[in-house]
Amino acid sequence: METAIQTEQTATIREFLQQRIGAEIAFTDEEDIFKLGLVNSLFALELVLFLENTYQVTVENEDLKLEHFSTVNNLSDFISRKKGL
């Protein structure tokens, strides 16, 4: 069950992605944003910085796994784990 914090994280992450890739591009929170071609390597770095700055977490080298970053829901789950929620 998703908590209120996770719901807020998901909304914040989605908003960041929509602002960066364009509001007219539709995707769900479960769709792989890499497979859809919405994220390239440079944008992935921006995404990491966004997560670190927004959620005051450190993304370590061992955290850089595609499964953590592939969907909005995976990103939110990753942040929850990093914050111990």
PDB file of N, CA and C in Angstrom:
ATOM      1  N   MET A   1       0.842  -1.184   0.000  1.00  0.00           N
ATOM      2  CA  MET A   1       0.000   0.000   0.000  1.00  0.00           C
ATOM      3  C   MET A   1       0.884   1.244   0.000  1.00  0.00           C
ATOM      4  N   GLU A   2       0.574   2.169  -0.856  1.00  0.00           N
ATOM      5  CA  GLU A   2       1.357   3.386  -0.989  1.00  0.00           C
ATOM      6  C   GLU A   2       0.990   4.359   0.126  1.00  0.00           C
ATOM      7  N   THR A   3       2.003   4.928   0.764  1.00  0.00           N
ATOM      8  CA  THR A   3       1.777   5.902   1.828  1.00  0.00           C
ATOM      9  C   THR A   3       1.571   7.290   1.220  1.00  0.00           C
ATOM     10  N   ALA A   4       1.139   8.226   2.060  1.00  0.00           N
ATOM     11  CA  ALA A   4       0.953   9.604   1.608  1.00  0.00           C
ATOM     12  C   ALA A   4       2.277  10.189   1.136  1.00  0.00           C
ATOM     13  N   ILE A   5       3.372   9.834   1.820  1.00  0.00           N
ATOM     14  CA  ILE A   5       4.698  10.331   1.420  1.00  0.00           C
ATOM     15  C   ILE A   5       5.062   9.794   0.048  1.00  0.00           C
ATOM     16  N   GLN A   6       4.815   8.503  -0.192  1.00  0.00           N
ATOM     17  CA  GLN A   6       5.127   7.920  -1.500  1.00  0.00           C
ATOM     18  C   GLN A   6       4.259   8.534  -2.588  1.00  0.00           C
ATOM     19  N   THR A   7       3.000   8.802  -2.278  1.00  0.00           N
ATOM     20  CA  THR A   7       2.109   9.433  -3.251  1.00  0.00           C
ATOM     21  C   THR A   7       2.636  10.816  -3.618  1.00  0.00           C
ATOM     22  N   GLU A   8       3.096  11.569  -2.625  1.00  0.00           N
ATOM     23  CA  GLU A   8       3.657  12.894  -2.869  1.00  0.00           C
ATOM     24  C   GLU A   8       4.953  12.790  -3.675  1.00  0.00           C
ATOM     25  N   GLN A   9       5.807  11.831  -3.332  1.00  0.00           N
ATOM     26  CA  GLN A   9       7.056  11.622  -4.075  1.00  0.00           C
ATOM     27  C   GLN A   9       6.755  11.303  -5.531  1.00  0.00           C
ATOM     28  N   THR A  10       5.815  10.400  -5.754  1.00  0.00           N
ATOM     29  CA  THR A  10       5.453  10.008  -7.113  1.00  0.00           C
ATOM     30  C   THR A  10       4.989  11.228  -7.902  1.00  0.00           C
ATOM     31  N   ALA A  11       4.158  12.063  -7.297  1.00  0.00           N
ATOM     32  CA  ALA A  11       3.656  13.258  -7.975  1.00  0.00           C
ATOM     33  C   ALA A  11       4.788  14.235  -8.284  1.00  0.00           C
ATOM     34  N   THR A  12       5.713  14.416  -7.356  1.00  0.00           N
ATOM     35  CA  THR A  12       6.842  15.331  -7.549  1.00  0.00           C
ATOM     36  C   THR A  12       7.763  14.833  -8.658  1.00  0.00           C
ATOM     37  N   ILE A  13       8.037  13.540  -8.659  1.00  0.00           N
ATOM     38  CA  ILE A  13       8.900  12.957  -9.692  1.00  0.00           C
ATOM     39  C   ILE A  13       8.233  13.065 -11.056  1.00  0.00           C
ATOM     40  N   ARG A  14       6.943  12.745 -11.118  1.00  0.00           N
ATOM     41  CA  ARG A  14       6.205  12.847 -12.381  1.00  0.00           C
ATOM     42  C   ARG A  14       6.214  14.289 -12.892  1.00  0.00           C
ATOM     43  N   GLU A  15       5.993  15.246 -12.007  1.00  0.00           N
ATOM     44  CA  GLU A  15       5.987  16.651 -12.397  1.00  0.00           C
ATOM     45  C   GLU A  15       7.345  17.067 -12.972  1.00  0.00           C
ATOM     46  N   PHE A  16       8.431  16.650 -12.328  1.00  0.00           N
ATOM     47  CA  PHE A  16       9.770  16.949 -12.839  1.00  0.00           C
ATOM     48  C   PHE A  16       9.953  16.369 -14.239  1.00  0.00           C
ATOM     49  N   LEU A  17       9.599  15.106 -14.404  1.00  0.00           N
ATOM     50  CA  LEU A  17       9.741  14.458 -15.709  1.00  0.00           C
ATOM     51  C   LEU A  17       8.900  15.154 -16.760  1.00  0.00           C
ATOM     52  N   GLN A  18       7.655  15.462 -16.435  1.00  0.00           N
ATOM     53  CA  GLN A  18       6.769  16.109 -17.417  1.00  0.00           C
ATOM     54  C   GLN A  18       7.301  17.478 -17.815  1.00  0.00           C
ATOM     55  N   GLN A  19       7.849  18.223 -16.858  1.00  0.00           N
ATOM     56  CA  GLN A  19       8.418  19.537 -17.174  1.00  0.00           C
ATOM     57  C   GLN A  19       9.616  19.409 -18.110  1.00  0.00           C
ATOM     58  N   ARG A  20      10.418  18.395 -17.898  1.00  0.00           N
ATOM     59  CA  ARG A  20      11.640  18.230 -18.679  1.00  0.00           C
ATOM     60  C   ARG A  20      11.392  17.617 -20.057  1.00  0.00           C
ATOM     61  N   ILE A  21      10.442  16.689 -20.168  1.00  0.00           N
ATOM     62  CA  ILE A  21      10.238  16.020 -21.454  1.00  0.00           C
ATOM     63  C   ILE A  21       9.067  16.591 -22.233  1.00  0.00           C
ATOM     64  N   GLY A  22       8.234  17.378 -21.576  1.00  0.00           N
ATOM     65  CA  GLY A  22       7.105  17.995 -22.242  1.00  0.00           C
ATOM     66  C   GLY A  22       5.776  17.438 -21.750  1.00  0.00           C
ATOM     67  N   ALA A  23       4.902  18.337 -21.380  1.00  0.00           N
ATOM     68  CA  ALA A  23       3.607  17.948 -20.816  1.00  0.00           C
ATOM     69  C   ALA A  23       2.745  17.189 -21.820  1.00  0.00           C
ATOM     70  N   GLU A  24       3.014  17.383 -23.112  1.00  0.00           N
ATOM     71  CA  GLU A  24       2.188  16.731 -24.139  1.00  0.00           C
ATOM     72  C   GLU A  24       2.529  15.252 -24.312  1.00  0.00           C
ATOM     73  N   ILE A  25       3.629  14.804 -23.750  1.00  0.00           N
ATOM     74  CA  ILE A  25       4.037  13.401 -23.873  1.00  0.00           C
ATOM     75  C   ILE A  25       3.436  12.611 -22.721  1.00  0.00           C
ATOM     76  N   ALA A  26       2.602  11.650 -23.059  1.00  0.00           N
ATOM     77  CA  ALA A  26       1.888  10.866 -22.046  1.00  0.00           C
ATOM     78  C   ALA A  26       2.620   9.558 -21.746  1.00  0.00           C
ATOM     79  N   PHE A  27       2.692   9.233 -20.467  1.00  0.00           N
ATOM     80  CA  PHE A  27       3.228   7.951 -20.015  1.00  0.00           C
ATOM     81  C   PHE A  27       2.672   7.688 -18.628  1.00  0.00           C
ATOM     82  N   THR A  28       2.608   6.415 -18.266  1.00  0.00           N
ATOM     83  CA  THR A  28       2.088   6.059 -16.947  1.00  0.00           C
ATOM     84  C   THR A  28       3.242   5.936 -15.955  1.00  0.00           C
ATOM     85  N   ASP A  29       2.888   5.828 -14.691  1.00  0.00           N
ATOM     86  CA  ASP A  29       3.897   5.696 -13.645  1.00  0.00           C
ATOM     87  C   ASP A  29       4.575   4.329 -13.675  1.00  0.00           C
ATOM     88  N   GLU A  30       4.011   3.388 -14.431  1.00  0.00           N
ATOM     89  CA  GLU A  30       4.576   2.046 -14.540  1.00  0.00           C
ATOM     90  C   GLU A  30       5.377   1.832 -15.819  1.00  0.00           C
ATOM     91  N   GLU A  31       5.311   2.774 -16.753  1.00  0.00           N
ATOM     92  CA  GLU A  31       6.013   2.600 -18.028  1.00  0.00           C
ATOM     93  C   GLU A  31       7.496   2.927 -17.898  1.00  0.00           C
ATOM     94  N   ASP A  32       8.307   2.160 -18.597  1.00  0.00           N
ATOM     95  CA  ASP A  32       9.755   2.321 -18.579  1.00  0.00           C
ATOM     96  C   ASP A  32      10.127   3.547 -19.412  1.00  0.00           C
ATOM     97  N   ILE A  33      10.587   4.598 -18.726  1.00  0.00           N
ATOM     98  CA  ILE A  33      10.881   5.857 -19.411  1.00  0.00           C
ATOM     99  C   ILE A  33      12.124   5.764 -20.294  1.00  0.00           C
ATOM    100  N   PHE A  34      12.985   4.787 -20.035  1.00  0.00           N
ATOM    101  CA  PHE A  34      14.149   4.566 -20.901  1.00  0.00           C
ATOM    102  C   PHE A  34      13.721   3.861 -22.183  1.00  0.00           C
ATOM    103  N   LYS A  35      12.916   2.813 -22.047  1.00  0.00           N
ATOM    104  CA  LYS A  35      12.442   2.077 -23.230  1.00  0.00           C
ATOM    105  C   LYS A  35      11.563   2.956 -24.118  1.00  0.00           C
ATOM    106  N   LEU A  36      10.853   3.905 -23.506  1.00  0.00           N
ATOM    107  CA  LEU A  36      10.028   4.824 -24.288  1.00  0.00           C
ATOM    108  C   LEU A  36      10.866   5.886 -25.008  1.00  0.00           C
ATOM    109  N   GLY A  37      12.165   5.943 -24.672  1.00  0.00           N
ATOM    110  CA  GLY A  37      13.054   6.921 -25.298  1.00  0.00           C
ATOM    111  C   GLY A  37      12.925   8.318 -24.711  1.00  0.00           C
ATOM    112  N   LEU A  38      12.363   8.428 -23.503  1.00  0.00           N
ATOM    113  CA  LEU A  38      12.158   9.732 -22.881  1.00  0.00           C
ATOM    114  C   LEU A  38      13.380  10.212 -22.111  1.00  0.00           C
ATOM    115  N   VAL A  39      14.304   9.296 -21.817  1.00  0.00           N
ATOM    116  CA  VAL A  39      15.482   9.620 -21.006  1.00  0.00           C
ATOM    117  C   VAL A  39      16.735   9.157 -21.740  1.00  0.00           C
ATOM    118  N   ASN A  40      17.704  10.065 -21.853  1.00  0.00           N
ATOM    119  CA  ASN A  40      19.012   9.686 -22.380  1.00  0.00           C
ATOM    120  C   ASN A  40      20.023   9.782 -21.236  1.00  0.00           C
ATOM    121  N   SER A  41      21.276   9.502 -21.499  1.00  0.00           N
ATOM    122  CA  SER A  41      22.271   9.454 -20.429  1.00  0.00           C
ATOM    123  C   SER A  41      22.469  10.814 -19.755  1.00  0.00           C
ATOM    124  N   LEU A  42      22.429  11.889 -20.511  1.00  0.00           N
ATOM    125  CA  LEU A  42      22.587  13.216 -19.920  1.00  0.00           C
ATOM    126  C   LEU A  42      21.403  13.540 -19.014  1.00  0.00           C
ATOM    127  N   PHE A  43      20.205  13.245 -19.484  1.00  0.00           N
ATOM    128  CA  PHE A  43      19.024  13.495 -18.664  1.00  0.00           C
ATOM    129  C   PHE A  43      19.019  12.603 -17.428  1.00  0.00           C
ATOM    130  N   ALA A  44      19.556  11.402 -17.532  1.00  0.00           N
ATOM    131  CA  ALA A  44      19.638  10.507 -16.375  1.00  0.00           C
ATOM    132  C   ALA A  44      20.480  11.150 -15.273  1.00  0.00           C
ATOM    133  N   LEU A  45      21.550  11.844 -15.656  1.00  0.00           N
ATOM    134  CA  LEU A  45      22.367  12.560 -14.667  1.00  0.00           C
ATOM    135  C   LEU A  45      21.572  13.687 -14.018  1.00  0.00           C
ATOM    136  N   GLU A  46      20.792  14.405 -14.804  1.00  0.00           N
ATOM    137  CA  GLU A  46      19.928  15.447 -14.260  1.00  0.00           C
ATOM    138  C   GLU A  46      18.922  14.850 -13.274  1.00  0.00           C
ATOM    139  N   LEU A  47      18.416  13.689 -13.615  1.00  0.00           N
ATOM    140  CA  LEU A  47      17.452  13.010 -12.755  1.00  0.00           C
ATOM    141  C   LEU A  47      18.085  12.642 -11.416  1.00  0.00           C
ATOM    142  N   VAL A  48      19.301  12.135 -11.447  1.00  0.00           N
ATOM    143  CA  VAL A  48      20.015  11.796 -10.213  1.00  0.00           C
ATOM    144  C   VAL A  48      20.200  13.047  -9.356  1.00  0.00           C
ATOM    145  N   LEU A  49      20.637  14.143  -9.975  1.00  0.00           N
ATOM    146  CA  LEU A  49      20.819  15.394  -9.228  1.00  0.00           C
ATOM    147  C   LEU A  49      19.506  15.898  -8.653  1.00  0.00           C
ATOM    148  N   PHE A  50      18.439  15.800  -9.418  1.00  0.00           N
ATOM    149  CA  PHE A  50      17.120  16.197  -8.940  1.00  0.00           C
ATOM    150  C   PHE A  50      16.741  15.397  -7.695  1.00  0.00           C
ATOM    151  N   LEU A  51      16.919  14.081  -7.745  1.00  0.00           N
ATOM    152  CA  LEU A  51      16.578  13.234  -6.600  1.00  0.00           C
ATOM    153  C   LEU A  51      17.421  13.582  -5.379  1.00  0.00           C
ATOM    154  N   GLU A  52      18.720  13.759  -5.583  1.00  0.00           N
ATOM    155  CA  GLU A  52      19.601  14.088  -4.462  1.00  0.00           C
ATOM    156  C   GLU A  52      19.224  15.428  -3.828  1.00  0.00           C
ATOM    157  N   ASN A  53      18.978  16.422  -4.657  1.00  0.00           N
ATOM    158  CA  ASN A  53      18.658  17.763  -4.150  1.00  0.00           C
ATOM    159  C   ASN A  53      17.262  17.846  -3.544  1.00  0.00           C
ATOM    160  N   THR A  54      16.315  17.184  -4.157  1.00  0.00           N
ATOM    161  CA  THR A  54      14.936  17.262  -3.696  1.00  0.00           C
ATOM    162  C   THR A  54      14.708  16.461  -2.420  1.00  0.00           C
ATOM    163  N   TYR A  55      15.337  15.296  -2.333  1.00  0.00           N
ATOM    164  CA  TYR A  55      15.062  14.382  -1.215  1.00  0.00           C
ATOM    165  C   TYR A  55      16.227  14.241  -0.243  1.00  0.00           C
ATOM    166  N   GLN A  56      17.260  15.055  -0.408  1.00  0.00           N
ATOM    167  CA  GLN A  56      18.419  15.035   0.479  1.00  0.00           C
ATOM    168  C   GLN A  56      18.947  13.616   0.701  1.00  0.00           C
ATOM    169  N   VAL A  57      19.158  12.913  -0.417  1.00  0.00           N
ATOM    170  CA  VAL A  57      19.747  11.574  -0.396  1.00  0.00           C
ATOM    171  C   VAL A  57      21.015  11.608  -1.255  1.00  0.00           C
ATOM    172  N   THR A  58      21.860  10.617  -1.051  1.00  0.00           N
ATOM    173  CA  THR A  58      23.045  10.455  -1.889  1.00  0.00           C
ATOM    174  C   THR A  58      22.856   9.198  -2.722  1.00  0.00           C
ATOM    175  N   VAL A  59      22.927   9.356  -4.013  1.00  0.00           N
ATOM    176  CA  VAL A  59      22.835   8.215  -4.918  1.00  0.00           C
ATOM    177  C   VAL A  59      24.258   7.705  -5.123  1.00  0.00           C
ATOM    178  N   GLU A  60      24.509   6.533  -4.584  1.00  0.00           N
ATOM    179  CA  GLU A  60      25.841   5.922  -4.651  1.00  0.00           C
ATOM    180  C   GLU A  60      26.010   5.183  -5.982  1.00  0.00           C
ATOM    181  N   ASN A  61      27.249   4.861  -6.332  1.00  0.00           N
ATOM    182  CA  ASN A  61      27.511   4.108  -7.565  1.00  0.00           C
ATOM    183  C   ASN A  61      26.705   2.813  -7.607  1.00  0.00           C
ATOM    184  N   GLU A  62      26.628   2.111  -6.479  1.00  0.00           N
ATOM    185  CA  GLU A  62      25.892   0.836  -6.449  1.00  0.00           C
ATOM    186  C   GLU A  62      24.381   1.027  -6.601  1.00  0.00           C
ATOM    187  N   ASP A  63      23.894   2.269  -6.446  1.00  0.00           N
ATOM    188  CA  ASP A  63      22.471   2.563  -6.639  1.00  0.00           C
ATOM    189  C   ASP A  63      22.119   2.753  -8.107  1.00  0.00           C
ATOM    190  N   LEU A  64      23.110   2.954  -8.937  1.00  0.00           N
ATOM    191  CA  LEU A  64      22.881   3.276 -10.342  1.00  0.00           C
ATOM    192  C   LEU A  64      22.526   2.022 -11.140  1.00  0.00           C
ATOM    193  N   LYS A  65      21.349   1.526 -10.860  1.00  0.00           N
ATOM    194  CA  LYS A  65      20.804   0.349 -11.552  1.00  0.00           C
ATOM    195  C   LYS A  65      19.553   0.780 -12.289  1.00  0.00           C
ATOM    196  N   LEU A  66      19.418   0.301 -13.503  1.00  0.00           N
ATOM    197  CA  LEU A  66      18.287   0.700 -14.327  1.00  0.00           C
ATOM    198  C   LEU A  66      16.953   0.440 -13.638  1.00  0.00           C
ATOM    199  N   GLU A  67      16.859  -0.655 -12.881  1.00  0.00           N
ATOM    200  CA  GLU A  67      15.573  -0.965 -12.244  1.00  0.00           C
ATOM    201  C   GLU A  67      15.159   0.107 -11.232  1.00  0.00           C
ATOM    202  N   HIS A  68      16.099   0.862 -10.668  1.00  0.00           N
ATOM    203  CA  HIS A  68      15.754   1.926  -9.728  1.00  0.00           C
ATOM    204  C   HIS A  68      15.198   3.160 -10.435  1.00  0.00           C
ATOM    205  N   PHE A  69      15.569   3.343 -11.687  1.00  0.00           N
ATOM    206  CA  PHE A  69      15.284   4.584 -12.395  1.00  0.00           C
ATOM    207  C   PHE A  69      14.348   4.426 -13.591  1.00  0.00           C
ATOM    208  N   SER A  70      13.880   3.224 -13.848  1.00  0.00           N
ATOM    209  CA  SER A  70      13.160   2.966 -15.101  1.00  0.00           C
ATOM    210  C   SER A  70      11.735   3.491 -15.134  1.00  0.00           C
ATOM    211  N   THR A  71      11.074   3.576 -13.989  1.00  0.00           N
ATOM    212  CA  THR A  71       9.689   4.052 -13.960  1.00  0.00           C
ATOM    213  C   THR A  71       9.525   5.074 -12.841  1.00  0.00           C
ATOM    214  N   VAL A  72       8.456   5.836 -12.910  1.00  0.00           N
ATOM    215  CA  VAL A  72       8.148   6.798 -11.848  1.00  0.00           C
ATOM    216  C   VAL A  72       7.960   6.059 -10.530  1.00  0.00           C
ATOM    217  N   ASN A  73       7.232   4.959 -10.552  1.00  0.00           N
ATOM    218  CA  ASN A  73       7.009   4.194  -9.327  1.00  0.00           C
ATOM    219  C   ASN A  73       8.306   3.633  -8.767  1.00  0.00           C
ATOM    220  N   ASN A  74       9.193   3.135  -9.623  1.00  0.00           N
ATOM    221  CA  ASN A  74      10.479   2.622  -9.157  1.00  0.00           C
ATOM    222  C   ASN A  74      11.320   3.732  -8.532  1.00  0.00           C
ATOM    223  N   LEU A  75      11.287   4.912  -9.125  1.00  0.00           N
ATOM    224  CA  LEU A  75      12.010   6.050  -8.559  1.00  0.00           C
ATOM    225  C   LEU A  75      11.488   6.395  -7.173  1.00  0.00           C
ATOM    226  N   SER A  76      10.180   6.428  -7.016  1.00  0.00           N
ATOM    227  CA  SER A  76       9.580   6.726  -5.719  1.00  0.00           C
ATOM    228  C   SER A  76       9.935   5.656  -4.688  1.00  0.00           C
ATOM    229  N   ASP A  77       9.866   4.392  -5.087  1.00  0.00           N
ATOM    230  CA  ASP A  77      10.243   3.294  -4.188  1.00  0.00           C
ATOM    231  C   ASP A  77      11.714   3.395  -3.785  1.00  0.00           C
ATOM    232  N   PHE A  78      12.561   3.735  -4.742  1.00  0.00           N
ATOM    233  CA  PHE A  78      13.992   3.893  -4.476  1.00  0.00           C
ATOM    234  C   PHE A  78      14.223   4.981  -3.431  1.00  0.00           C
ATOM    235  N   ILE A  79      13.574   6.121  -3.591  1.00  0.00           N
ATOM    236  CA  ILE A  79      13.714   7.220  -2.637  1.00  0.00           C
ATOM    237  C   ILE A  79      13.218   6.789  -1.261  1.00  0.00           C
ATOM    238  N   SER A  80      12.104   6.085  -1.203  1.00  0.00           N
ATOM    239  CA  SER A  80      11.584   5.610   0.077  1.00  0.00           C
ATOM    240  C   SER A  80      12.599   4.711   0.776  1.00  0.00           C
ATOM    241  N   ARG A  81      13.219   3.814   0.028  1.00  0.00           N
ATOM    242  CA  ARG A  81      14.232   2.926   0.615  1.00  0.00           C
ATOM    243  C   ARG A  81      15.445   3.739   1.107  1.00  0.00           C
ATOM    244  N   LYS A  82      15.894   4.695   0.299  1.00  0.00           N
ATOM    245  CA  LYS A  82      17.042   5.515   0.685  1.00  0.00           C
ATOM    246  C   LYS A  82      16.762   6.306   1.963  1.00  0.00           C
ATOM    247  N   LYS A  83      15.519   6.735   2.127  1.00  0.00           N
ATOM    248  CA  LYS A  83      15.148   7.527   3.297  1.00  0.00           C
ATOM    249  C   LYS A  83      14.693   6.640   4.469  1.00  0.00           C
ATOM    250  N   GLY A  84      14.670   5.336   4.244  1.00  0.00           N
ATOM    251  CA  GLY A  84      14.277   4.425   5.316  1.00  0.00           C
ATOM    252  C   GLY A  84      12.800   4.446   5.642  1.00  0.00           C
ATOM    253  N   LEU A  85      11.974   4.738   4.652  1.00  0.00           N
ATOM    254  CA  LEU A  85      10.520   4.800   4.862  1.00  0.00           C
ATOM    255  C   LEU A  85       9.864   3.464   4.609  1.00  0.00           C
TER     256      LEU A  85
END
